[in-house]
Amino acid sequence: MHLALLSVGRNFMPLAWWTPVSKEPFRFLLAIDRKNHTLFLLRELGEAALSFLPWEERAWVVRSGYLSGRRVDKAEKLGVALRPAQKLQKTLVPEKALAVFELKVEEWPSDGDHALFLGEVLHVEGSPEARRRPILFLGFRDFATLGETWRHR
């Protein structure tokens, strides 16, 4: 799965459970664990940014999923520079993102262990570099990019 970074407010987390579900209007479906702090923020702010970072940034992207935004400022702890999103009011995105989809999100009723959100794309920015060395999630702690694999320890 292509690993994204979901930013909500000043918080962010890696996200593999996302998919485009409509071209017109352009929308994504996101699945967030019900125990995750990001779920609280999504409900509160109603906005998020789905960012894609290069393989070279994989260590902090993955590490951010092992830190709780309830307890720490992840950007400060991991040394990640953030910038304001273009169309969102309260969300910051990583400066090193190669592609960003800014979303207005609404929860989609579901009863599973993950909450589902439908995100309407408000703004898109990106570079052709975003497709060259993506961070791919293989499951558990295993990741790969095109032609290379890596295990987080």
N, C-alpha and C. Protein backbone atom coordinates (compact mmCIF):
# COMPACT_ATOMS: atom_id res chain seq x y z
N MET A 1 0.85 -1.17 0.00
CA MET A 1 0.00 0.00 0.00
C MET A 1 0.89 1.24 0.00
N HIS A 2 0.49 2.24 -0.73
CA HIS A 2 1.25 3.50 -0.78
C HIS A 2 1.01 4.24 0.54
N LEU A 3 2.06 4.42 1.30
CA LEU A 3 1.94 5.06 2.61
C LEU A 3 1.86 6.57 2.44
N ALA A 4 0.84 7.15 3.05
CA ALA A 4 0.65 8.60 3.05
C ALA A 4 0.91 9.11 4.47
N LEU A 5 0.97 10.40 4.61
CA LEU A 5 1.03 11.04 5.91
C LEU A 5 -0.23 11.89 6.02
N LEU A 6 -1.04 11.60 7.04
CA LEU A 6 -2.27 12.35 7.25
C LEU A 6 -2.00 13.43 8.28
N SER A 7 -2.17 14.68 7.88
CA SER A 7 -1.99 15.82 8.79
C SER A 7 -3.34 16.38 9.15
N VAL A 8 -3.53 16.62 10.44
CA VAL A 8 -4.75 17.25 10.94
C VAL A 8 -4.32 18.25 12.00
N GLY A 9 -4.58 19.51 11.76
CA GLY A 9 -4.06 20.54 12.66
C GLY A 9 -2.55 20.51 12.60
N ARG A 10 -1.91 20.42 13.74
CA ARG A 10 -0.45 20.34 13.81
C ARG A 10 0.03 18.89 13.96
N ASN A 11 -0.91 17.97 14.09
CA ASN A 11 -0.60 16.55 14.28
C ASN A 11 -0.52 15.84 12.94
N PHE A 12 0.21 14.73 12.89
CA PHE A 12 0.26 13.90 11.68
C PHE A 12 0.52 12.45 12.05
N MET A 13 0.17 11.57 11.13
CA MET A 13 0.37 10.13 11.33
C MET A 13 0.50 9.45 9.96
N PRO A 14 1.23 8.34 9.90
CA PRO A 14 1.27 7.58 8.65
C PRO A 14 -0.08 6.89 8.43
N LEU A 15 -0.50 6.79 7.18
CA LEU A 15 -1.79 6.20 6.87
C LEU A 15 -1.67 5.37 5.59
N ALA A 16 -1.98 4.09 5.72
CA ALA A 16 -1.97 3.20 4.56
C ALA A 16 -3.38 2.88 4.09
N TRP A 17 -4.36 3.04 4.96
CA TRP A 17 -5.74 2.71 4.61
C TRP A 17 -6.45 3.94 4.08
N TRP A 18 -6.22 4.24 2.83
CA TRP A 18 -6.85 5.35 2.12
C TRP A 18 -7.03 4.91 0.67
N THR A 19 -8.01 5.47 0.00
CA THR A 19 -8.21 5.16 -1.41
C THR A 19 -9.03 6.26 -2.07
N PRO A 20 -8.75 6.56 -3.33
CA PRO A 20 -9.64 7.47 -4.05
C PRO A 20 -10.96 6.74 -4.32
N VAL A 21 -12.08 7.46 -4.19
CA VAL A 21 -13.38 6.83 -4.42
C VAL A 21 -14.23 7.58 -5.43
N SER A 22 -13.79 8.74 -5.89
CA SER A 22 -14.55 9.49 -6.88
C SER A 22 -13.63 10.48 -7.59
N LYS A 23 -13.85 10.61 -8.90
CA LYS A 23 -13.10 11.60 -9.67
C LYS A 23 -13.83 12.94 -9.72
N GLU A 24 -15.17 12.88 -9.79
CA GLU A 24 -15.97 14.09 -9.91
C GLU A 24 -17.21 13.96 -9.03
N PRO A 25 -17.26 14.53 -7.85
CA PRO A 25 -16.19 15.32 -7.27
C PRO A 25 -15.04 14.42 -6.81
N PHE A 26 -13.85 15.00 -6.74
CA PHE A 26 -12.65 14.27 -6.36
C PHE A 26 -12.68 14.01 -4.86
N ARG A 27 -12.69 12.71 -4.48
CA ARG A 27 -12.82 12.33 -3.06
C ARG A 27 -11.95 11.14 -2.72
N PHE A 28 -11.53 11.10 -1.45
CA PHE A 28 -10.80 9.98 -0.88
C PHE A 28 -11.60 9.40 0.28
N LEU A 29 -11.41 8.11 0.53
CA LEU A 29 -11.96 7.47 1.72
C LEU A 29 -10.77 7.13 2.62
N LEU A 30 -10.86 7.50 3.89
CA LEU A 30 -9.80 7.27 4.88
C LEU A 30 -10.33 6.40 6.00
N ALA A 31 -9.52 5.48 6.49
CA ALA A 31 -9.89 4.65 7.65
C ALA A 31 -8.92 4.94 8.79
N ILE A 32 -9.47 5.36 9.94
CA ILE A 32 -8.67 5.75 11.10
C ILE A 32 -9.05 4.88 12.29
N ASP A 33 -8.05 4.29 12.95
CA ASP A 33 -8.29 3.48 14.14
C ASP A 33 -9.03 4.32 15.18
N ARG A 34 -10.04 3.72 15.79
CA ARG A 34 -10.87 4.46 16.75
C ARG A 34 -10.14 4.88 18.02
N LYS A 35 -8.95 4.32 18.27
CA LYS A 35 -8.18 4.69 19.45
C LYS A 35 -7.19 5.82 19.16
N ASN A 36 -7.14 6.27 17.93
CA ASN A 36 -6.12 7.21 17.50
C ASN A 36 -6.50 8.66 17.83
N HIS A 37 -5.53 9.42 18.28
CA HIS A 37 -5.73 10.84 18.59
C HIS A 37 -6.16 11.62 17.34
N THR A 38 -5.69 11.22 16.19
CA THR A 38 -6.05 11.89 14.94
C THR A 38 -7.55 11.83 14.70
N LEU A 39 -8.20 10.76 15.13
CA LEU A 39 -9.66 10.65 14.98
C LEU A 39 -10.35 11.79 15.71
N PHE A 40 -9.93 12.07 16.93
CA PHE A 40 -10.50 13.18 17.71
C PHE A 40 -10.31 14.49 16.95
N LEU A 41 -9.11 14.71 16.42
CA LEU A 41 -8.83 15.96 15.70
C LEU A 41 -9.64 16.07 14.41
N LEU A 42 -9.79 14.96 13.68
CA LEU A 42 -10.60 14.98 12.45
C LEU A 42 -12.04 15.39 12.76
N ARG A 43 -12.58 14.83 13.81
CA ARG A 43 -13.95 15.17 14.19
C ARG A 43 -14.07 16.64 14.61
N GLU A 44 -13.05 17.12 15.29
CA GLU A 44 -13.06 18.50 15.77
C GLU A 44 -12.87 19.52 14.65
N LEU A 45 -11.89 19.28 13.76
CA LEU A 45 -11.53 20.27 12.75
C LEU A 45 -12.23 20.09 11.40
N GLY A 46 -12.58 18.85 11.05
CA GLY A 46 -13.25 18.61 9.78
C GLY A 46 -12.40 18.84 8.55
N GLU A 47 -11.08 18.83 8.72
CA GLU A 47 -10.17 19.03 7.61
C GLU A 47 -8.91 18.20 7.82
N ALA A 48 -8.23 17.88 6.71
CA ALA A 48 -7.01 17.10 6.79
C ALA A 48 -6.25 17.25 5.48
N ALA A 49 -4.98 16.88 5.52
CA ALA A 49 -4.17 16.87 4.30
C ALA A 49 -3.51 15.50 4.19
N LEU A 50 -3.61 14.91 3.03
CA LEU A 50 -2.97 13.63 2.73
C LEU A 50 -1.71 13.97 1.93
N SER A 51 -0.54 13.72 2.54
CA SER A 51 0.74 14.08 1.91
C SER A 51 1.53 12.84 1.56
N PHE A 52 2.36 12.98 0.55
CA PHE A 52 3.22 11.89 0.11
C PHE A 52 4.66 12.37 0.14
N LEU A 53 5.48 11.62 0.85
CA LEU A 53 6.88 12.00 1.04
C LEU A 53 7.79 11.00 0.35
N PRO A 54 9.01 11.43 0.04
CA PRO A 54 9.94 10.53 -0.64
C PRO A 54 10.48 9.47 0.31
N TRP A 55 10.95 8.39 -0.26
CA TRP A 55 11.54 7.27 0.46
C TRP A 55 12.58 7.73 1.47
N GLU A 56 13.33 8.73 1.13
CA GLU A 56 14.40 9.22 2.01
C GLU A 56 13.86 9.76 3.34
N GLU A 57 12.59 10.08 3.42
CA GLU A 57 11.98 10.61 4.65
C GLU A 57 11.27 9.52 5.47
N ARG A 58 11.41 8.26 5.06
CA ARG A 58 10.64 7.16 5.65
C ARG A 58 10.82 7.01 7.16
N ALA A 59 12.00 7.23 7.70
CA ALA A 59 12.23 6.97 9.13
C ALA A 59 11.32 7.82 10.01
N TRP A 60 11.28 9.11 9.78
CA TRP A 60 10.42 9.94 10.65
C TRP A 60 8.94 9.75 10.34
N VAL A 61 8.61 9.48 9.06
CA VAL A 61 7.20 9.23 8.71
C VAL A 61 6.69 8.03 9.49
N VAL A 62 7.43 6.94 9.45
CA VAL A 62 7.02 5.72 10.17
C VAL A 62 7.06 5.96 11.68
N ARG A 63 8.11 6.59 12.19
CA ARG A 63 8.25 6.84 13.63
C ARG A 63 7.07 7.66 14.16
N SER A 64 6.53 8.54 13.35
CA SER A 64 5.41 9.37 13.82
C SER A 64 4.19 8.53 14.20
N GLY A 65 4.09 7.33 13.66
CA GLY A 65 2.99 6.45 14.02
C GLY A 65 3.16 5.77 15.37
N TYR A 66 4.36 5.86 15.92
CA TYR A 66 4.64 5.26 17.23
C TYR A 66 4.64 6.31 18.34
N LEU A 67 4.37 7.56 17.99
CA LEU A 67 4.27 8.64 18.97
C LEU A 67 2.82 9.11 19.03
N SER A 68 2.38 9.52 20.19
CA SER A 68 1.01 10.03 20.31
C SER A 68 1.01 11.55 20.32
N GLY A 69 0.20 12.13 19.45
CA GLY A 69 0.03 13.58 19.42
C GLY A 69 -0.65 14.09 20.67
N ARG A 70 -1.21 13.20 21.49
CA ARG A 70 -1.78 13.61 22.78
C ARG A 70 -0.67 14.01 23.74
N ARG A 71 0.51 13.38 23.59
CA ARG A 71 1.59 13.55 24.55
C ARG A 71 2.73 14.44 24.06
N VAL A 72 2.97 14.46 22.75
CA VAL A 72 4.11 15.21 22.23
C VAL A 72 3.73 15.98 20.97
N ASP A 73 4.48 17.01 20.71
CA ASP A 73 4.40 17.71 19.43
C ASP A 73 5.33 16.93 18.50
N LYS A 74 4.73 16.16 17.59
CA LYS A 74 5.52 15.27 16.74
C LYS A 74 6.51 16.02 15.87
N ALA A 75 6.10 17.15 15.32
CA ALA A 75 7.00 17.92 14.45
C ALA A 75 8.24 18.34 15.23
N GLU A 76 8.04 18.82 16.43
CA GLU A 76 9.17 19.25 17.26
C GLU A 76 10.05 18.06 17.63
N LYS A 77 9.44 16.99 18.09
CA LYS A 77 10.18 15.80 18.52
C LYS A 77 10.98 15.17 17.38
N LEU A 78 10.40 15.15 16.16
CA LEU A 78 11.05 14.49 15.03
C LEU A 78 11.83 15.45 14.13
N GLY A 79 11.80 16.74 14.45
CA GLY A 79 12.53 17.72 13.66
C GLY A 79 11.94 17.94 12.27
N VAL A 80 10.61 17.93 12.18
CA VAL A 80 9.93 18.08 10.90
C VAL A 80 9.46 19.52 10.72
N ALA A 81 9.89 20.14 9.65
CA ALA A 81 9.45 21.50 9.33
C ALA A 81 8.06 21.43 8.69
N LEU A 82 7.16 22.26 9.19
CA LEU A 82 5.78 22.31 8.69
C LEU A 82 5.51 23.68 8.07
N ARG A 83 4.53 23.70 7.17
CA ARG A 83 4.07 24.95 6.57
C ARG A 83 2.55 24.93 6.52
N PRO A 84 1.92 26.08 6.45
CA PRO A 84 0.45 26.10 6.36
C PRO A 84 -0.04 25.46 5.06
N ALA A 85 -1.16 24.77 5.14
CA ALA A 85 -1.82 24.26 3.94
C ALA A 85 -2.34 25.46 3.15
N GLN A 86 -2.63 25.26 1.88
CA GLN A 86 -3.07 26.36 1.01
C GLN A 86 -4.54 26.75 1.23
N LYS A 87 -5.42 25.74 1.38
CA LYS A 87 -6.87 26.01 1.47
C LYS A 87 -7.47 25.67 2.83
N LEU A 88 -6.72 25.00 3.68
CA LEU A 88 -7.24 24.61 4.99
C LEU A 88 -6.93 25.68 6.02
N GLN A 89 -7.80 25.83 7.00
CA GLN A 89 -7.67 26.90 7.98
C GLN A 89 -6.69 26.59 9.12
N LYS A 90 -6.65 25.31 9.55
CA LYS A 90 -5.92 24.99 10.78
C LYS A 90 -4.86 23.90 10.60
N THR A 91 -4.67 23.40 9.40
CA THR A 91 -3.78 22.26 9.19
C THR A 91 -2.46 22.68 8.57
N LEU A 92 -1.39 22.09 9.11
CA LEU A 92 -0.04 22.30 8.60
C LEU A 92 0.41 21.02 7.89
N VAL A 93 1.26 21.17 6.88
CA VAL A 93 1.77 20.02 6.13
C VAL A 93 3.29 20.05 6.14
N PRO A 94 3.94 18.89 5.98
CA PRO A 94 5.41 18.86 5.97
C PRO A 94 5.97 19.61 4.76
N GLU A 95 6.99 20.40 4.98
CA GLU A 95 7.63 21.14 3.89
C GLU A 95 8.20 20.21 2.83
N LYS A 96 8.62 19.01 3.22
CA LYS A 96 9.26 18.09 2.28
C LYS A 96 8.28 17.22 1.51
N ALA A 97 6.97 17.45 1.69
CA ALA A 97 5.98 16.66 0.96
C ALA A 97 6.12 16.91 -0.54
N LEU A 98 6.08 15.82 -1.31
CA LEU A 98 6.18 15.93 -2.77
C LEU A 98 4.81 16.09 -3.42
N ALA A 99 3.77 15.66 -2.73
CA ALA A 99 2.40 15.82 -3.20
C ALA A 99 1.50 15.99 -1.98
N VAL A 100 0.49 16.84 -2.10
CA VAL A 100 -0.44 17.11 -1.00
C VAL A 100 -1.85 17.22 -1.56
N PHE A 101 -2.78 16.52 -0.92
CA PHE A 101 -4.20 16.62 -1.22
C PHE A 101 -4.87 17.20 0.03
N GLU A 102 -5.39 18.40 -0.07
CA GLU A 102 -6.07 19.03 1.06
C GLU A 102 -7.55 18.65 1.00
N LEU A 103 -8.09 18.21 2.14
CA LEU A 103 -9.43 17.63 2.18
C LEU A 103 -10.34 18.28 3.21
N LYS A 104 -11.58 18.43 2.83
CA LYS A 104 -12.65 18.72 3.79
C LYS A 104 -13.25 17.35 4.08
N VAL A 105 -13.29 16.95 5.36
CA VAL A 105 -13.71 15.59 5.68
C VAL A 105 -15.00 15.54 6.49
N GLU A 106 -15.74 14.47 6.24
CA GLU A 106 -16.94 14.17 7.01
C GLU A 106 -16.93 12.70 7.35
N GLU A 107 -17.33 12.39 8.57
CA GLU A 107 -17.34 10.99 8.99
C GLU A 107 -18.46 10.24 8.27
N TRP A 108 -18.15 9.03 7.91
CA TRP A 108 -19.10 8.15 7.23
C TRP A 108 -19.49 7.08 8.25
N PRO A 109 -20.75 6.98 8.64
CA PRO A 109 -21.14 6.03 9.69
C PRO A 109 -20.67 4.60 9.39
N SER A 110 -20.02 4.02 10.37
CA SER A 110 -19.57 2.62 10.26
C SER A 110 -19.44 2.06 11.66
N ASP A 111 -19.41 0.74 11.77
CA ASP A 111 -19.35 0.12 13.10
C ASP A 111 -18.11 -0.73 13.31
N GLY A 112 -17.11 -0.63 12.45
CA GLY A 112 -15.90 -1.43 12.60
C GLY A 112 -14.93 -0.81 13.59
N ASP A 113 -13.75 -1.40 13.68
CA ASP A 113 -12.74 -0.89 14.61
C ASP A 113 -12.04 0.36 14.08
N HIS A 114 -12.33 0.72 12.82
CA HIS A 114 -11.81 1.94 12.23
C HIS A 114 -12.98 2.84 11.83
N ALA A 115 -12.82 4.14 12.09
CA ALA A 115 -13.81 5.12 11.64
C ALA A 115 -13.49 5.48 10.20
N LEU A 116 -14.53 5.66 9.39
CA LEU A 116 -14.34 6.00 7.99
C LEU A 116 -14.67 7.47 7.76
N PHE A 117 -13.84 8.11 6.94
CA PHE A 117 -14.05 9.51 6.60
C PHE A 117 -13.99 9.67 5.10
N LEU A 118 -14.92 10.46 4.58
CA LEU A 118 -14.93 10.81 3.18
C LEU A 118 -14.33 12.20 3.09
N GLY A 119 -13.30 12.35 2.28
CA GLY A 119 -12.63 13.63 2.16
C GLY A 119 -12.77 14.20 0.76
N GLU A 120 -13.39 15.37 0.66
CA GLU A 120 -13.50 16.04 -0.63
C GLU A 120 -12.24 16.88 -0.85
N VAL A 121 -11.60 16.69 -1.99
CA VAL A 121 -10.35 17.38 -2.28
C VAL A 121 -10.62 18.84 -2.61
N LEU A 122 -9.99 19.74 -1.84
CA LEU A 122 -10.14 21.18 -2.05
C LEU A 122 -8.96 21.76 -2.82
N HIS A 123 -7.79 21.11 -2.69
CA HIS A 123 -6.57 21.64 -3.31
C HIS A 123 -5.59 20.49 -3.53
N VAL A 124 -4.90 20.52 -4.65
CA VAL A 124 -3.89 19.51 -4.98
C VAL A 124 -2.62 20.22 -5.40
N GLU A 125 -1.50 19.73 -4.90
CA GLU A 125 -0.21 20.22 -5.37
C GLU A 125 0.74 19.03 -5.42
N GLY A 126 1.67 19.07 -6.34
CA GLY A 126 2.57 17.93 -6.41
C GLY A 126 3.67 18.10 -7.42
N SER A 127 4.57 17.16 -7.35
CA SER A 127 5.74 17.13 -8.21
C SER A 127 5.82 15.76 -8.87
N PRO A 128 6.34 15.67 -10.07
CA PRO A 128 6.53 14.36 -10.71
C PRO A 128 7.42 13.43 -9.87
N GLU A 129 8.24 14.02 -9.01
CA GLU A 129 9.13 13.24 -8.13
C GLU A 129 8.33 12.36 -7.17
N ALA A 130 7.08 12.71 -6.89
CA ALA A 130 6.27 11.97 -5.93
C ALA A 130 6.07 10.52 -6.34
N ARG A 131 6.18 10.21 -7.63
CA ARG A 131 5.97 8.85 -8.11
C ARG A 131 7.25 8.03 -8.21
N ARG A 132 8.39 8.67 -8.06
CA ARG A 132 9.66 7.99 -8.32
C ARG A 132 10.09 7.04 -7.21
N ARG A 133 10.03 7.46 -5.95
CA ARG A 133 10.47 6.64 -4.83
C ARG A 133 9.46 6.71 -3.69
N PRO A 134 8.26 6.16 -3.90
CA PRO A 134 7.22 6.23 -2.86
C PRO A 134 7.57 5.34 -1.67
N ILE A 135 6.98 5.65 -0.54
CA ILE A 135 7.09 4.78 0.64
C ILE A 135 5.93 3.79 0.53
N LEU A 136 6.25 2.52 0.39
CA LEU A 136 5.24 1.47 0.27
C LEU A 136 5.20 0.66 1.56
N PHE A 137 4.02 0.48 2.13
CA PHE A 137 3.83 -0.31 3.35
C PHE A 137 3.50 -1.74 2.95
N LEU A 138 4.33 -2.69 3.42
CA LEU A 138 4.14 -4.09 3.09
C LEU A 138 3.40 -4.87 4.17
N GLY A 139 3.23 -4.26 5.34
CA GLY A 139 2.59 -4.92 6.47
C GLY A 139 3.57 -5.05 7.62
N PHE A 140 3.05 -5.13 8.83
CA PHE A 140 3.81 -5.21 10.07
C PHE A 140 4.75 -4.01 10.16
N ARG A 141 6.07 -4.20 10.07
CA ARG A 141 7.02 -3.10 10.11
C ARG A 141 7.86 -3.05 8.84
N ASP A 142 7.34 -3.65 7.78
CA ASP A 142 8.11 -3.76 6.54
C ASP A 142 7.65 -2.73 5.51
N PHE A 143 8.64 -2.11 4.88
CA PHE A 143 8.40 -1.06 3.91
C PHE A 143 9.29 -1.29 2.70
N ALA A 144 8.92 -0.71 1.59
CA ALA A 144 9.72 -0.85 0.37
C ALA A 144 9.53 0.40 -0.47
N THR A 145 10.38 0.53 -1.45
CA THR A 145 10.17 1.50 -2.51
C THR A 145 10.44 0.76 -3.79
N LEU A 146 10.38 1.41 -4.88
CA LEU A 146 10.62 0.75 -6.14
C LEU A 146 12.08 0.28 -6.19
N GLY A 147 12.29 -1.05 -6.09
CA GLY A 147 13.62 -1.61 -6.16
C GLY A 147 14.39 -1.72 -4.86
N GLU A 148 13.76 -1.39 -3.69
CA GLU A 148 14.49 -1.43 -2.42
C GLU A 148 13.51 -1.75 -1.28
N THR A 149 13.98 -2.49 -0.26
CA THR A 149 13.15 -2.75 0.92
C THR A 149 13.87 -2.29 2.18
N TRP A 150 13.11 -2.10 3.28
CA TRP A 150 13.67 -1.61 4.55
C TRP A 150 12.75 -2.04 5.68
N ARG A 151 13.30 -2.39 6.85
CA ARG A 151 12.50 -2.76 8.02
C ARG A 151 12.75 -1.76 9.14
N HIS A 152 11.68 -1.20 9.68
CA HIS A 152 11.77 -0.28 10.81
C HIS A 152 12.08 -1.06 12.07
N ARG A 153 13.01 -0.61 12.85
CA ARG A 153 13.38 -1.28 14.11
C ARG A 153 13.22 -0.34 15.27
